[in-house]
Amino acid sequence: MIKHEIISCERCSAPIECKANSYTKCQCSEVQLTLNEMEYIGEQYDGCLCSFCLFQLRQEYQDSMSS
């Protein structure tokens, strides 16, 4: 039985199990972001993102910094 809310990733619409009340167990906590990376993502999205999208956006930010 699912104990947490199922929501859609704001970027790709994939279903994700939101564990905001247990952040360390949430799939988004798998992605380690710097403050600058968090600000970059936060400027584009307000809601939850799946770990795949967070990885992609982190890479997008890193690529833009090396250009």
PDB file of N, CA and C in Angstrom:
ATOM      1  N   MET A   1       0.837  -1.183   0.000  1.00  0.00           N
ATOM      2  CA  MET A   1       0.000   0.000   0.000  1.00  0.00           C
ATOM      3  C   MET A   1       0.884   1.250   0.000  1.00  0.00           C
ATOM      4  N   ILE A   2       0.560   2.200  -0.841  1.00  0.00           N
ATOM      5  CA  ILE A   2       1.309   3.447  -0.941  1.00  0.00           C
ATOM      6  C   ILE A   2       0.975   4.341   0.250  1.00  0.00           C
ATOM      7  N   LYS A   3       2.018   4.831   0.903  1.00  0.00           N
ATOM      8  CA  LYS A   3       1.825   5.669   2.083  1.00  0.00           C
ATOM      9  C   LYS A   3       1.966   7.150   1.758  1.00  0.00           C
ATOM     10  N   HIS A   4       2.410   7.469   0.557  1.00  0.00           N
ATOM     11  CA  HIS A   4       2.664   8.841   0.171  1.00  0.00           C
ATOM     12  C   HIS A   4       1.871   9.193  -1.078  1.00  0.00           C
ATOM     13  N   GLU A   5       1.756  10.469  -1.316  1.00  0.00           N
ATOM     14  CA  GLU A   5       0.986  10.967  -2.458  1.00  0.00           C
ATOM     15  C   GLU A   5       1.740  10.725  -3.770  1.00  0.00           C
ATOM     16  N   ILE A   6       1.013  10.312  -4.795  1.00  0.00           N
ATOM     17  CA  ILE A   6       1.576  10.176  -6.137  1.00  0.00           C
ATOM     18  C   ILE A   6       1.290  11.484  -6.870  1.00  0.00           C
ATOM     19  N   ILE A   7       2.367  12.112  -7.337  1.00  0.00           N
ATOM     20  CA  ILE A   7       2.245  13.367  -8.076  1.00  0.00           C
ATOM     21  C   ILE A   7       2.961  13.214  -9.410  1.00  0.00           C
ATOM     22  N   SER A   8       2.818  14.206 -10.273  1.00  0.00           N
ATOM     23  CA  SER A   8       3.510  14.201 -11.564  1.00  0.00           C
ATOM     24  C   SER A   8       4.708  15.119 -11.514  1.00  0.00           C
ATOM     25  N   CYS A   9       5.785  14.675 -12.110  1.00  0.00           N
ATOM     26  CA  CYS A   9       6.964  15.526 -12.252  1.00  0.00           C
ATOM     27  C   CYS A   9       6.545  16.745 -13.062  1.00  0.00           C
ATOM     28  N   GLU A  10       6.910  17.912 -12.588  1.00  0.00           N
ATOM     29  CA  GLU A  10       6.507  19.143 -13.277  1.00  0.00           C
ATOM     30  C   GLU A  10       7.125  19.252 -14.665  1.00  0.00           C
ATOM     31  N   ARG A  11       8.255  18.627 -14.883  1.00  0.00           N
ATOM     32  CA  ARG A  11       8.965  18.751 -16.159  1.00  0.00           C
ATOM     33  C   ARG A  11       8.536  17.693 -17.175  1.00  0.00           C
ATOM     34  N   CYS A  12       8.489  16.420 -16.764  1.00  0.00           N
ATOM     35  CA  CYS A  12       8.221  15.349 -17.734  1.00  0.00           C
ATOM     36  C   CYS A  12       6.888  14.635 -17.505  1.00  0.00           C
ATOM     37  N   SER A  13       6.199  14.972 -16.439  1.00  0.00           N
ATOM     38  CA  SER A  13       4.901  14.388 -16.082  1.00  0.00           C
ATOM     39  C   SER A  13       4.960  12.937 -15.629  1.00  0.00           C
ATOM     40  N   ALA A  14       6.161  12.411 -15.394  1.00  0.00           N
ATOM     41  CA  ALA A  14       6.273  11.046 -14.880  1.00  0.00           C
ATOM     42  C   ALA A  14       5.686  10.996 -13.474  1.00  0.00           C
ATOM     43  N   PRO A  15       4.993   9.916 -13.136  1.00  0.00           N
ATOM     44  CA  PRO A  15       4.459   9.802 -11.773  1.00  0.00           C
ATOM     45  C   PRO A  15       5.595   9.563 -10.777  1.00  0.00           C
ATOM     46  N   ILE A  16       5.564  10.292  -9.681  1.00  0.00           N
ATOM     47  CA  ILE A  16       6.559  10.110  -8.625  1.00  0.00           C
ATOM     48  C   ILE A  16       5.840  10.052  -7.281  1.00  0.00           C
ATOM     49  N   GLU A  17       6.399   9.258  -6.393  1.00  0.00           N
ATOM     50  CA  GLU A  17       5.830   9.142  -5.055  1.00  0.00           C
ATOM     51  C   GLU A  17       6.461  10.222  -4.185  1.00  0.00           C
ATOM     52  N   CYS A  18       5.677  11.201  -3.793  1.00  0.00           N
ATOM     53  CA  CYS A  18       6.165  12.325  -2.995  1.00  0.00           C
ATOM     54  C   CYS A  18       6.317  11.886  -1.548  1.00  0.00           C
ATOM     55  N   LYS A  19       7.513  12.066  -1.029  1.00  0.00           N
ATOM     56  CA  LYS A  19       7.791  11.734   0.371  1.00  0.00           C
ATOM     57  C   LYS A  19       8.341  12.967   1.080  1.00  0.00           C
ATOM     58  N   ALA A  20       7.698  14.099   0.876  1.00  0.00           N
ATOM     59  CA  ALA A  20       8.164  15.355   1.453  1.00  0.00           C
ATOM     60  C   ALA A  20       8.286  15.279   2.967  1.00  0.00           C
ATOM     61  N   ASN A  21       7.447  14.484   3.595  1.00  0.00           N
ATOM     62  CA  ASN A  21       7.525  14.349   5.051  1.00  0.00           C
ATOM     63  C   ASN A  21       8.621  13.368   5.477  1.00  0.00           C
ATOM     64  N   SER A  22       9.234  12.686   4.518  1.00  0.00           N
ATOM     65  CA  SER A  22      10.374  11.785   4.761  1.00  0.00           C
ATOM     66  C   SER A  22      11.423  12.062   3.700  1.00  0.00           C
ATOM     67  N   TYR A  23      11.900  13.294   3.656  1.00  0.00           N
ATOM     68  CA  TYR A  23      12.763  13.750   2.563  1.00  0.00           C
ATOM     69  C   TYR A  23      13.940  12.815   2.297  1.00  0.00           C
ATOM     70  N   THR A  24      14.564  12.295   3.329  1.00  0.00           N
ATOM     71  CA  THR A  24      15.736  11.444   3.112  1.00  0.00           C
ATOM     72  C   THR A  24      15.394  10.142   2.399  1.00  0.00           C
ATOM     73  N   LYS A  25      14.120   9.776   2.359  1.00  0.00           N
ATOM     74  CA  LYS A  25      13.680   8.570   1.660  1.00  0.00           C
ATOM     75  C   LYS A  25      13.088   8.876   0.296  1.00  0.00           C
ATOM     76  N   CYS A  26      12.988  10.156  -0.044  1.00  0.00           N
ATOM     77  CA  CYS A  26      12.397  10.564  -1.313  1.00  0.00           C
ATOM     78  C   CYS A  26      13.404  10.387  -2.443  1.00  0.00           C
ATOM     79  N   GLN A  27      12.936  10.015  -3.617  1.00  0.00           N
ATOM     80  CA  GLN A  27      13.826   9.784  -4.750  1.00  0.00           C
ATOM     81  C   GLN A  27      14.597  11.032  -5.161  1.00  0.00           C
ATOM     82  N   CYS A  28      14.051  12.211  -4.897  1.00  0.00           N
ATOM     83  CA  CYS A  28      14.757  13.436  -5.294  1.00  0.00           C
ATOM     84  C   CYS A  28      15.993  13.687  -4.430  1.00  0.00           C
ATOM     85  N   SER A  29      16.058  13.082  -3.251  1.00  0.00           N
ATOM     86  CA  SER A  29      17.230  13.270  -2.394  1.00  0.00           C
ATOM     87  C   SER A  29      18.452  12.523  -2.933  1.00  0.00           C
ATOM     88  N   GLU A  30      18.254  11.691  -3.947  1.00  0.00           N
ATOM     89  CA  GLU A  30      19.361  10.973  -4.577  1.00  0.00           C
ATOM     90  C   GLU A  30      20.268  11.907  -5.364  1.00  0.00           C
ATOM     91  N   VAL A  31      19.760  13.074  -5.727  1.00  0.00           N
ATOM     92  CA  VAL A  31      20.496  14.005  -6.573  1.00  0.00           C
ATOM     93  C   VAL A  31      21.092  15.101  -5.690  1.00  0.00           C
ATOM     94  N   GLN A  32      22.420  15.116  -5.611  1.00  0.00           N
ATOM     95  CA  GLN A  32      23.100  16.125  -4.821  1.00  0.00           C
ATOM     96  C   GLN A  32      23.295  17.368  -5.686  1.00  0.00           C
ATOM     97  N   LEU A  33      22.731  18.488  -5.242  1.00  0.00           N
ATOM     98  CA  LEU A  33      22.795  19.735  -5.994  1.00  0.00           C
ATOM     99  C   LEU A  33      23.525  20.803  -5.202  1.00  0.00           C
ATOM    100  N   THR A  34      24.294  21.629  -5.905  1.00  0.00           N
ATOM    101  CA  THR A  34      24.913  22.784  -5.275  1.00  0.00           C
ATOM    102  C   THR A  34      23.851  23.873  -5.139  1.00  0.00           C
ATOM    103  N   LEU A  35      24.158  24.885  -4.376  1.00  0.00           N
ATOM    104  CA  LEU A  35      23.235  26.008  -4.221  1.00  0.00           C
ATOM    105  C   LEU A  35      22.945  26.652  -5.574  1.00  0.00           C
ATOM    106  N   ASN A  36      23.972  26.830  -6.394  1.00  0.00           N
ATOM    107  CA  ASN A  36      23.780  27.432  -7.719  1.00  0.00           C
ATOM    108  C   ASN A  36      22.893  26.567  -8.606  1.00  0.00           C
ATOM    109  N   GLU A  37      23.074  25.254  -8.526  1.00  0.00           N
ATOM    110  CA  GLU A  37      22.235  24.348  -9.311  1.00  0.00           C
ATOM    111  C   GLU A  37      20.789  24.405  -8.839  1.00  0.00           C
ATOM    112  N   MET A  38      20.574  24.467  -7.527  1.00  0.00           N
ATOM    113  CA  MET A  38      19.216  24.587  -6.989  1.00  0.00           C
ATOM    114  C   MET A  38      18.557  25.887  -7.440  1.00  0.00           C
ATOM    115  N   GLU A  39      19.312  26.978  -7.436  1.00  0.00           N
ATOM    116  CA  GLU A  39      18.760  28.255  -7.890  1.00  0.00           C
ATOM    117  C   GLU A  39      18.402  28.203  -9.366  1.00  0.00           C
ATOM    118  N   TYR A  40      19.269  27.600 -10.176  1.00  0.00           N
ATOM    119  CA  TYR A  40      19.025  27.452 -11.609  1.00  0.00           C
ATOM    120  C   TYR A  40      17.724  26.688 -11.858  1.00  0.00           C
ATOM    121  N   ILE A  41      17.554  25.578 -11.163  1.00  0.00           N
ATOM    122  CA  ILE A  41      16.345  24.761 -11.321  1.00  0.00           C
ATOM    123  C   ILE A  41      15.129  25.496 -10.767  1.00  0.00           C
ATOM    124  N   GLY A  42      15.295  26.141  -9.619  1.00  0.00           N
ATOM    125  CA  GLY A  42      14.193  26.863  -8.984  1.00  0.00           C
ATOM    126  C   GLY A  42      13.678  28.031  -9.806  1.00  0.00           C
ATOM    127  N   GLU A  43      14.530  28.599 -10.646  1.00  0.00           N
ATOM    128  CA  GLU A  43      14.101  29.688 -11.531  1.00  0.00           C
ATOM    129  C   GLU A  43      13.179  29.181 -12.632  1.00  0.00           C
ATOM    130  N   GLN A  44      13.248  27.885 -12.919  1.00  0.00           N
ATOM    131  CA  GLN A  44      12.469  27.312 -14.016  1.00  0.00           C
ATOM    132  C   GLN A  44      11.237  26.532 -13.547  1.00  0.00           C
ATOM    133  N   TYR A  45      11.312  25.960 -12.343  1.00  0.00           N
ATOM    134  CA  TYR A  45      10.248  25.074 -11.861  1.00  0.00           C
ATOM    135  C   TYR A  45       9.906  25.394 -10.415  1.00  0.00           C
ATOM    136  N   ASP A  46       8.624  25.277 -10.090  1.00  0.00           N
ATOM    137  CA  ASP A  46       8.162  25.520  -8.723  1.00  0.00           C
ATOM    138  C   ASP A  46       7.866  24.230  -7.978  1.00  0.00           C
ATOM    139  N   GLY A  47       7.475  23.199  -8.711  1.00  0.00           N
ATOM    140  CA  GLY A  47       7.025  21.965  -8.076  1.00  0.00           C
ATOM    141  C   GLY A  47       8.092  20.893  -8.024  1.00  0.00           C
ATOM    142  N   CYS A  48       7.669  19.706  -7.678  1.00  0.00           N
ATOM    143  CA  CYS A  48       8.565  18.560  -7.556  1.00  0.00           C
ATOM    144  C   CYS A  48       9.001  18.050  -8.929  1.00  0.00           C
ATOM    145  N   LEU A  49      10.228  17.552  -8.959  1.00  0.00           N
ATOM    146  CA  LEU A  49      10.787  16.970 -10.170  1.00  0.00           C
ATOM    147  C   LEU A  49      11.303  15.575  -9.845  1.00  0.00           C
ATOM    148  N   CYS A  50      11.215  14.688 -10.820  1.00  0.00           N
ATOM    149  CA  CYS A  50      11.746  13.345 -10.629  1.00  0.00           C
ATOM    150  C   CYS A  50      13.273  13.399 -10.637  1.00  0.00           C
ATOM    151  N   SER A  51      13.895  12.361 -10.117  1.00  0.00           N
ATOM    152  CA  SER A  51      15.355  12.350 -10.036  1.00  0.00           C
ATOM    153  C   SER A  51      15.987  12.379 -11.429  1.00  0.00           C
ATOM    154  N   PHE A  52      15.364  11.751 -12.408  1.00  0.00           N
ATOM    155  CA  PHE A  52      15.903  11.773 -13.773  1.00  0.00           C
ATOM    156  C   PHE A  52      15.976  13.203 -14.298  1.00  0.00           C
ATOM    157  N   CYS A  53      14.914  13.969 -14.104  1.00  0.00           N
ATOM    158  CA  CYS A  53      14.907  15.364 -14.560  1.00  0.00           C
ATOM    159  C   CYS A  53      15.903  16.204 -13.768  1.00  0.00           C
ATOM    160  N   LEU A  54      16.017  15.943 -12.467  1.00  0.00           N
ATOM    161  CA  LEU A  54      17.001  16.677 -11.668  1.00  0.00           C
ATOM    162  C   LEU A  54      18.414  16.409 -12.165  1.00  0.00           C
ATOM    163  N   PHE A  55      18.722  15.154 -12.497  1.00  0.00           N
ATOM    164  CA  PHE A  55      20.036  14.835 -13.055  1.00  0.00           C
ATOM    165  C   PHE A  55      20.249  15.577 -14.378  1.00  0.00           C
ATOM    166  N   GLN A  56      19.235  15.584 -15.240  1.00  0.00           N
ATOM    167  CA  GLN A  56      19.354  16.259 -16.528  1.00  0.00           C
ATOM    168  C   GLN A  56      19.559  17.763 -16.357  1.00  0.00           C
ATOM    169  N   LEU A  57      18.795  18.366 -15.458  1.00  0.00           N
ATOM    170  CA  LEU A  57      18.910  19.806 -15.243  1.00  0.00           C
ATOM    171  C   LEU A  57      20.240  20.177 -14.593  1.00  0.00           C
ATOM    172  N   ARG A  58      20.737  19.326 -13.714  1.00  0.00           N
ATOM    173  CA  ARG A  58      22.059  19.559 -13.130  1.00  0.00           C
ATOM    174  C   ARG A  58      23.117  19.543 -14.228  1.00  0.00           C
ATOM    175  N   GLN A  59      23.022  18.566 -15.136  1.00  0.00           N
ATOM    176  CA  GLN A  59      23.975  18.485 -16.245  1.00  0.00           C
ATOM    177  C   GLN A  59      23.840  19.680 -17.178  1.00  0.00           C
ATOM    178  N   GLU A  60      22.608  20.098 -17.447  1.00  0.00           N
ATOM    179  CA  GLU A  60      22.346  21.268 -18.293  1.00  0.00           C
ATOM    180  C   GLU A  60      23.020  22.511 -17.696  1.00  0.00           C
ATOM    181  N   TYR A  61      22.879  22.679 -16.382  1.00  0.00           N
ATOM    182  CA  TYR A  61      23.507  23.813 -15.709  1.00  0.00           C
ATOM    183  C   TYR A  61      25.030  23.718 -15.812  1.00  0.00           C
ATOM    184  N   GLN A  62      25.588  22.544 -15.545  1.00  0.00           N
ATOM    185  CA  GLN A  62      27.042  22.368 -15.608  1.00  0.00           C
ATOM    186  C   GLN A  62      27.564  22.608 -17.013  1.00  0.00           C
ATOM    187  N   ASP A  63      26.822  22.161 -18.025  1.00  0.00           N
ATOM    188  CA  ASP A  63      27.218  22.400 -19.413  1.00  0.00           C
ATOM    189  C   ASP A  63      27.204  23.886 -19.745  1.00  0.00           C
ATOM    190  N   SER A  64      26.196  24.610 -19.238  1.00  0.00           N
ATOM    191  CA  SER A  64      26.117  26.047 -19.520  1.00  0.00           C
ATOM    192  C   SER A  64      27.236  26.820 -18.844  1.00  0.00           C
ATOM    193  N   MET A  65      27.763  26.313 -17.739  1.00  0.00           N
ATOM    194  CA  MET A  65      28.852  26.976 -17.029  1.00  0.00           C
ATOM    195  C   MET A  65      30.194  26.729 -17.696  1.00  0.00           C
ATOM    196  N   SER A  66      30.324  25.650 -18.439  1.00  0.00           N
ATOM    197  CA  SER A  66      31.591  25.323 -19.082  1.00  0.00           C
ATOM    198  C   SER A  66      31.681  25.869 -20.508  1.00  0.00           C
ATOM    199  N   SER A  67      30.613  26.473 -20.981  1.00  0.00           N
ATOM    200  CA  SER A  67      30.612  27.015 -22.358  1.00  0.00           C
ATOM    201  C   SER A  67      31.288  28.350 -22.430  1.00  0.00           C
TER     202      SER A  67
END
